[in-house]
Amino acid sequence: MKGLLLNGKLLNALDLQDISRNRYGDASDWETSLYRFLEEWFANTEYIELKTSGSTGEPKTIFLKKDMMRASARATNHFFGLRKGDKVLLCLSADY
């Protein structure tokens, strides 16, 4: 399986680009947050712009290198012993 399984639908990069071109349609708030993140993720840039949650003060805009985010995801997969095909839950909004 290559892609993102969302609400029972397997979406690839082209599907996600189509969704973002249509500006999210009838998407819920959490789906819109996810689509916005993915739209920026697939953009041809080295960084992604995010906001901190503001849990310890005013929310701030930060720029993270995509390579560093990939490295963090690999380390997380290794720590938890996750393998291709495993399912995980995104517990926080993709806005943060």
N, C-alpha and C. Protein backbone atom coordinates (compact mmCIF):
# COMPACT_ATOMS: atom_id res chain seq x y z
N MET A 1 0.85 -1.16 0.00
CA MET A 1 0.00 0.00 0.00
C MET A 1 0.90 1.24 0.00
N LYS A 2 0.71 2.09 -0.97
CA LYS A 2 1.48 3.33 -1.04
C LYS A 2 0.51 4.49 -1.05
N GLY A 3 0.59 5.32 -0.04
CA GLY A 3 -0.30 6.45 0.05
C GLY A 3 -0.77 6.65 1.47
N LEU A 4 -1.83 7.40 1.59
CA LEU A 4 -2.40 7.74 2.89
C LEU A 4 -3.82 7.19 2.94
N LEU A 5 -4.11 6.39 3.94
CA LEU A 5 -5.45 5.86 4.13
C LEU A 5 -6.22 6.85 4.99
N LEU A 6 -7.25 7.46 4.42
CA LEU A 6 -8.01 8.48 5.11
C LEU A 6 -9.49 8.20 4.94
N ASN A 7 -10.17 7.97 6.05
CA ASN A 7 -11.61 7.65 6.01
C ASN A 7 -11.90 6.48 5.08
N GLY A 8 -11.04 5.48 5.12
CA GLY A 8 -11.26 4.28 4.32
C GLY A 8 -10.85 4.40 2.86
N LYS A 9 -10.33 5.55 2.45
CA LYS A 9 -9.89 5.75 1.07
C LYS A 9 -8.38 5.84 1.03
N LEU A 10 -7.78 5.12 0.09
CA LEU A 10 -6.33 5.19 -0.09
C LEU A 10 -6.03 6.34 -1.05
N LEU A 11 -5.32 7.35 -0.56
CA LEU A 11 -5.01 8.54 -1.35
C LEU A 11 -3.52 8.59 -1.65
N ASN A 12 -3.17 8.88 -2.91
CA ASN A 12 -1.77 9.07 -3.26
C ASN A 12 -1.50 10.57 -3.39
N ALA A 13 -0.27 10.92 -3.74
CA ALA A 13 0.11 12.34 -3.82
C ALA A 13 -0.77 13.10 -4.81
N LEU A 14 -1.12 12.50 -5.94
CA LEU A 14 -1.96 13.17 -6.92
C LEU A 14 -3.37 13.41 -6.37
N ASP A 15 -3.90 12.42 -5.65
CA ASP A 15 -5.22 12.60 -5.03
C ASP A 15 -5.19 13.78 -4.06
N LEU A 16 -4.13 13.85 -3.26
CA LEU A 16 -4.02 14.92 -2.28
C LEU A 16 -3.88 16.28 -2.95
N GLN A 17 -3.16 16.32 -4.06
CA GLN A 17 -3.05 17.58 -4.80
C GLN A 17 -4.40 17.99 -5.37
N ASP A 18 -5.18 17.03 -5.86
CA ASP A 18 -6.53 17.33 -6.36
C ASP A 18 -7.41 17.89 -5.25
N ILE A 19 -7.33 17.27 -4.07
CA ILE A 19 -8.11 17.74 -2.93
C ILE A 19 -7.73 19.17 -2.60
N SER A 20 -6.42 19.45 -2.55
CA SER A 20 -6.01 20.80 -2.18
C SER A 20 -6.36 21.81 -3.27
N ARG A 21 -6.34 21.40 -4.53
CA ARG A 21 -6.75 22.31 -5.61
C ARG A 21 -8.22 22.68 -5.49
N ASN A 22 -9.02 21.72 -5.06
CA ASN A 22 -10.46 21.97 -4.89
C ASN A 22 -10.75 22.65 -3.56
N ARG A 23 -9.71 22.98 -2.82
CA ARG A 23 -9.79 23.71 -1.55
C ARG A 23 -10.65 23.00 -0.52
N TYR A 24 -10.52 21.69 -0.45
CA TYR A 24 -11.02 20.89 0.66
C TYR A 24 -12.52 20.58 0.66
N GLY A 25 -13.29 21.17 -0.21
CA GLY A 25 -14.70 20.81 -0.36
C GLY A 25 -15.45 20.78 0.96
N ASP A 26 -16.06 19.64 1.25
CA ASP A 26 -16.88 19.49 2.46
C ASP A 26 -16.08 18.91 3.62
N ALA A 27 -14.79 19.10 3.63
CA ALA A 27 -13.94 18.50 4.65
C ALA A 27 -14.24 19.08 6.03
N SER A 28 -14.09 18.23 7.05
CA SER A 28 -14.23 18.68 8.43
C SER A 28 -13.00 19.52 8.80
N ASP A 29 -13.03 20.13 9.98
CA ASP A 29 -11.91 20.96 10.41
C ASP A 29 -10.61 20.17 10.47
N TRP A 30 -10.66 18.95 11.04
CA TRP A 30 -9.42 18.18 11.16
C TRP A 30 -8.91 17.75 9.79
N GLU A 31 -9.82 17.44 8.87
CA GLU A 31 -9.39 17.06 7.53
C GLU A 31 -8.77 18.26 6.81
N THR A 32 -9.37 19.43 6.96
CA THR A 32 -8.83 20.64 6.34
C THR A 32 -7.43 20.92 6.86
N SER A 33 -7.21 20.77 8.17
CA SER A 33 -5.88 20.94 8.75
C SER A 33 -4.89 19.97 8.13
N LEU A 34 -5.30 18.72 8.00
CA LEU A 34 -4.43 17.70 7.42
C LEU A 34 -4.13 18.01 5.97
N TYR A 35 -5.14 18.38 5.20
CA TYR A 35 -4.93 18.69 3.78
C TYR A 35 -3.99 19.89 3.61
N ARG A 36 -4.15 20.89 4.45
CA ARG A 36 -3.26 22.05 4.37
C ARG A 36 -1.81 21.65 4.64
N PHE A 37 -1.63 20.81 5.67
CA PHE A 37 -0.28 20.32 5.97
C PHE A 37 0.29 19.56 4.78
N LEU A 38 -0.50 18.64 4.23
CA LEU A 38 -0.02 17.82 3.12
C LEU A 38 0.25 18.66 1.88
N GLU A 39 -0.56 19.66 1.66
CA GLU A 39 -0.34 20.57 0.52
C GLU A 39 1.04 21.22 0.65
N GLU A 40 1.36 21.68 1.85
CA GLU A 40 2.66 22.31 2.07
C GLU A 40 3.78 21.27 2.03
N TRP A 41 3.50 20.07 2.53
CA TRP A 41 4.51 19.00 2.53
C TRP A 41 4.93 18.65 1.10
N PHE A 42 3.97 18.57 0.20
CA PHE A 42 4.27 18.19 -1.18
C PHE A 42 4.75 19.37 -2.03
N ALA A 43 4.75 20.58 -1.49
CA ALA A 43 5.27 21.74 -2.21
C ALA A 43 6.77 21.56 -2.39
N ASN A 44 7.30 22.12 -3.42
CA ASN A 44 8.71 21.98 -3.75
C ASN A 44 9.55 22.96 -2.93
N THR A 45 9.56 22.75 -1.61
CA THR A 45 10.33 23.59 -0.69
C THR A 45 11.10 22.71 0.27
N GLU A 46 12.15 23.27 0.85
CA GLU A 46 12.98 22.54 1.80
C GLU A 46 12.40 22.58 3.21
N TYR A 47 11.57 23.60 3.48
CA TYR A 47 11.02 23.83 4.81
C TYR A 47 9.50 23.75 4.76
N ILE A 48 8.92 23.55 5.93
CA ILE A 48 7.47 23.63 6.07
C ILE A 48 7.19 24.62 7.20
N GLU A 49 6.19 25.47 6.99
CA GLU A 49 5.83 26.48 7.98
C GLU A 49 4.71 25.94 8.86
N LEU A 50 4.93 25.97 10.17
CA LEU A 50 3.95 25.50 11.14
C LEU A 50 3.81 26.53 12.26
N LYS A 51 2.78 26.37 13.05
CA LYS A 51 2.61 27.20 14.24
C LYS A 51 2.72 26.29 15.47
N THR A 52 3.32 26.83 16.52
CA THR A 52 3.32 26.10 17.79
C THR A 52 1.91 26.14 18.35
N SER A 53 1.61 25.26 19.27
CA SER A 53 0.25 25.15 19.81
C SER A 53 -0.13 26.31 20.72
N GLY A 54 0.86 26.96 21.29
CA GLY A 54 0.57 28.04 22.23
C GLY A 54 0.29 27.53 23.64
N SER A 55 0.57 26.28 23.91
CA SER A 55 0.26 25.72 25.23
C SER A 55 1.11 26.34 26.34
N THR A 56 2.26 26.91 25.99
CA THR A 56 3.12 27.53 27.00
C THR A 56 3.31 29.02 26.77
N GLY A 57 2.50 29.61 25.94
CA GLY A 57 2.60 31.04 25.63
C GLY A 57 1.91 31.33 24.30
N GLU A 58 2.22 32.46 23.73
CA GLU A 58 1.64 32.83 22.44
C GLU A 58 2.10 31.85 21.35
N PRO A 59 1.17 31.40 20.47
CA PRO A 59 1.59 30.56 19.35
C PRO A 59 2.61 31.30 18.48
N LYS A 60 3.61 30.57 18.01
CA LYS A 60 4.66 31.16 17.17
C LYS A 60 4.73 30.41 15.85
N THR A 61 5.10 31.13 14.81
CA THR A 61 5.35 30.49 13.52
C THR A 61 6.78 29.98 13.53
N ILE A 62 6.94 28.72 13.12
CA ILE A 62 8.27 28.12 13.04
C ILE A 62 8.44 27.49 11.66
N PHE A 63 9.67 27.32 11.25
CA PHE A 63 9.99 26.69 9.98
C PHE A 63 10.84 25.46 10.27
N LEU A 64 10.35 24.31 9.83
CA LEU A 64 11.06 23.05 10.06
C LEU A 64 11.53 22.49 8.73
N LYS A 65 12.76 21.99 8.72
CA LYS A 65 13.28 21.35 7.51
C LYS A 65 12.58 20.01 7.34
N LYS A 66 12.13 19.75 6.13
CA LYS A 66 11.45 18.48 5.85
C LYS A 66 12.37 17.30 6.11
N ASP A 67 13.66 17.45 5.82
CA ASP A 67 14.61 16.36 6.09
C ASP A 67 14.66 16.03 7.58
N MET A 68 14.59 17.05 8.43
CA MET A 68 14.62 16.81 9.87
C MET A 68 13.32 16.14 10.32
N MET A 69 12.21 16.50 9.71
CA MET A 69 10.93 15.87 10.05
C MET A 69 10.95 14.39 9.64
N ARG A 70 11.53 14.10 8.47
CA ARG A 70 11.67 12.70 8.03
C ARG A 70 12.54 11.91 9.00
N ALA A 71 13.65 12.51 9.43
CA ALA A 71 14.55 11.84 10.38
C ALA A 71 13.83 11.57 11.70
N SER A 72 13.04 12.53 12.15
CA SER A 72 12.28 12.34 13.39
C SER A 72 11.26 11.21 13.23
N ALA A 73 10.59 11.16 12.09
CA ALA A 73 9.61 10.09 11.85
C ALA A 73 10.30 8.72 11.82
N ARG A 74 11.47 8.65 11.18
CA ARG A 74 12.21 7.37 11.16
C ARG A 74 12.61 6.95 12.56
N ALA A 75 13.08 7.90 13.38
CA ALA A 75 13.47 7.59 14.76
C ALA A 75 12.26 7.12 15.56
N THR A 76 11.11 7.76 15.36
CA THR A 76 9.88 7.34 16.05
C THR A 76 9.50 5.93 15.63
N ASN A 77 9.54 5.65 14.33
CA ASN A 77 9.23 4.30 13.83
C ASN A 77 10.15 3.27 14.47
N HIS A 78 11.43 3.59 14.53
CA HIS A 78 12.40 2.67 15.11
C HIS A 78 12.13 2.45 16.59
N PHE A 79 11.90 3.51 17.33
CA PHE A 79 11.67 3.42 18.78
C PHE A 79 10.47 2.53 19.09
N PHE A 80 9.39 2.72 18.35
CA PHE A 80 8.17 1.95 18.61
C PHE A 80 8.10 0.64 17.85
N GLY A 81 9.12 0.35 17.05
CA GLY A 81 9.13 -0.90 16.28
C GLY A 81 8.07 -0.94 15.19
N LEU A 82 7.72 0.22 14.65
CA LEU A 82 6.69 0.26 13.61
C LEU A 82 7.25 -0.24 12.30
N ARG A 83 6.43 -0.93 11.57
CA ARG A 83 6.82 -1.49 10.27
C ARG A 83 5.82 -1.04 9.21
N LYS A 84 6.21 -1.18 7.97
CA LYS A 84 5.34 -0.84 6.85
C LYS A 84 4.02 -1.59 7.01
N GLY A 85 2.92 -0.87 6.86
CA GLY A 85 1.60 -1.46 7.00
C GLY A 85 0.97 -1.28 8.36
N ASP A 86 1.78 -0.90 9.37
CA ASP A 86 1.22 -0.63 10.69
C ASP A 86 0.34 0.61 10.63
N LYS A 87 -0.62 0.68 11.53
CA LYS A 87 -1.50 1.85 11.60
C LYS A 87 -1.16 2.64 12.85
N VAL A 88 -1.21 3.96 12.71
CA VAL A 88 -0.96 4.85 13.83
C VAL A 88 -2.05 5.92 13.86
N LEU A 89 -2.17 6.57 15.00
CA LEU A 89 -3.20 7.60 15.19
C LEU A 89 -2.53 8.95 15.34
N LEU A 90 -2.99 9.93 14.58
CA LEU A 90 -2.52 11.30 14.72
C LEU A 90 -3.38 11.95 15.80
N CYS A 91 -2.81 12.11 17.00
CA CYS A 91 -3.60 12.57 18.15
C CYS A 91 -3.70 14.09 18.24
N LEU A 92 -2.81 14.80 17.60
CA LEU A 92 -2.81 16.26 17.63
C LEU A 92 -3.26 16.80 16.28
N SER A 93 -3.75 18.00 16.29
CA SER A 93 -4.12 18.65 15.04
C SER A 93 -2.89 18.80 14.15
N ALA A 94 -3.06 18.63 12.87
CA ALA A 94 -1.96 18.83 11.92
C ALA A 94 -1.57 20.31 11.84
N ASP A 95 -2.36 21.18 12.48
CA ASP A 95 -2.00 22.60 12.52
C ASP A 95 -0.73 22.83 13.34
N TYR A 96 -0.42 21.91 14.25
CA TYR A 96 0.72 22.10 15.14
C TYR A 96 1.81 21.09 14.87
